[in-house]
Protein backbone atom coordinates (compact mmCIF):
# COMPACT_ATOMS: atom_id res chain seq x y z
CA PHE A 1 50.21 59.95 9.10
CA GLN A 2 47.18 61.08 11.03
CA LEU A 3 46.79 63.82 13.62
CA LEU A 4 44.15 62.58 16.03
CA THR A 5 41.99 65.19 17.72
CA SER A 6 38.37 65.44 18.74
CA GLU A 7 38.39 69.19 18.05
CA VAL A 8 37.88 68.86 14.28
CA TYR A 9 34.24 67.83 14.59
CA SER A 10 33.56 69.15 18.10
CA SER A 11 30.99 71.62 16.72
CA PRO A 12 29.45 72.48 13.36
CA LYS A 13 31.60 75.61 13.24
CA SER A 14 34.80 73.61 13.83
CA ALA A 15 33.83 71.11 11.13
CA VAL A 16 33.23 73.87 8.57
CA LEU A 17 36.46 75.68 9.50
CA ALA A 18 38.42 72.43 9.19
CA SER A 19 36.94 71.82 5.74
CA LEU A 20 37.77 75.37 4.68
CA TYR A 21 41.32 74.88 5.92
CA GLN A 22 41.59 71.73 3.81
CA VAL A 23 40.51 73.62 0.67
CA CYS A 24 42.77 76.62 1.38
CA ALA A 25 45.76 74.39 2.11
CA ALA A 26 45.31 72.54 -1.17
CA ASP A 27 45.00 75.84 -3.02
CA ARG A 28 48.10 77.31 -1.36
CA LEU A 29 50.18 74.24 -2.22
CA GLN A 30 48.77 73.78 -5.72
CA GLU A 31 51.71 75.24 -7.66
CA TYR A 32 54.35 73.27 -5.77
CA ALA A 33 52.21 70.11 -5.76
CA TYR A 34 51.72 70.32 -9.52
CA ASP A 35 55.47 70.27 -10.14
CA ALA A 36 55.81 67.40 -7.67
CA MET A 37 52.99 65.51 -9.42
CA LEU A 38 54.89 65.78 -12.71
CA ALA A 39 57.86 64.21 -10.89
CA GLY A 40 55.65 61.33 -9.69
CA LEU A 41 54.95 62.56 -6.16
CA SER A 42 51.57 63.10 -4.55
CA TYR A 43 49.98 64.22 -1.30
CA ASP A 44 46.53 64.43 0.16
CA VAL A 45 45.08 66.28 3.14
CA GLN A 46 41.85 64.87 4.51
CA VAL A 47 39.76 66.26 7.33
CA LEU A 48 38.14 63.32 9.09
CA PRO A 49 35.92 63.02 12.17
CA ARG A 50 38.90 61.73 14.17
CA GLY A 51 41.40 64.35 12.98
CA VAL A 52 43.48 65.25 9.95
CA ARG A 53 45.22 62.72 7.71
CA LEU A 54 48.25 63.52 5.56
CA THR A 55 49.13 60.98 2.88
CA PHE A 56 52.26 61.11 0.72
CA GLY A 57 53.14 58.88 -2.19
CA GLY A 58 55.55 58.29 -5.00
CA TYR A 59 58.70 56.42 -5.93
CA ASN A 60 61.18 59.24 -5.94
CA ASP A 61 64.25 59.97 -3.83
CA LYS A 62 62.73 63.42 -3.17
CA LEU A 63 59.66 62.03 -1.36
CA LEU A 64 61.11 62.88 2.05
CA ASP A 65 61.90 66.46 0.94
CA PHE A 66 58.39 66.80 -0.51
CA ALA A 67 56.72 65.49 2.66
CA THR A 68 58.88 67.79 4.80
CA TYR A 69 58.00 70.84 2.69
CA VAL A 70 54.25 70.14 2.69
CA SER A 71 54.23 69.37 6.43
CA ALA A 72 56.13 72.57 7.17
CA LYS A 73 53.70 74.64 5.10
CA LEU A 74 50.70 73.09 6.83
CA SER A 75 52.16 73.52 10.31
CA GLN A 76 52.75 77.26 9.86
CA ASP A 77 50.47 79.83 11.37
CA ILE A 78 47.01 79.42 9.87
CA SER A 79 47.18 82.93 8.40
CA ALA A 80 49.98 81.72 6.11
CA VAL A 81 47.61 79.16 4.55
CA LEU A 82 44.40 81.15 4.37
CA PRO A 83 43.81 83.60 1.50
CA GLU A 84 44.86 87.18 2.05
CA ASN A 85 42.17 89.76 2.73
CA GLU A 86 41.65 92.26 -0.02
């Protein structure tokens, strides 16, 4: 599915922050996504000029659970996705 918003590319700063979010989200979900990949499931988060696209795939009865988990993690407060300050 795709979340349509003009805010993603409304300014250079917003575009860079959206791209950083994409990288941090993938990093945060890497461990869980790896296990899912071994089970034949996949996901992708893409930051596009029109918004953010989430794509899920696989032929597994757990696809809905996987999509729900990833969507929940991505919809949390942004501080839960970004790296912790040291």
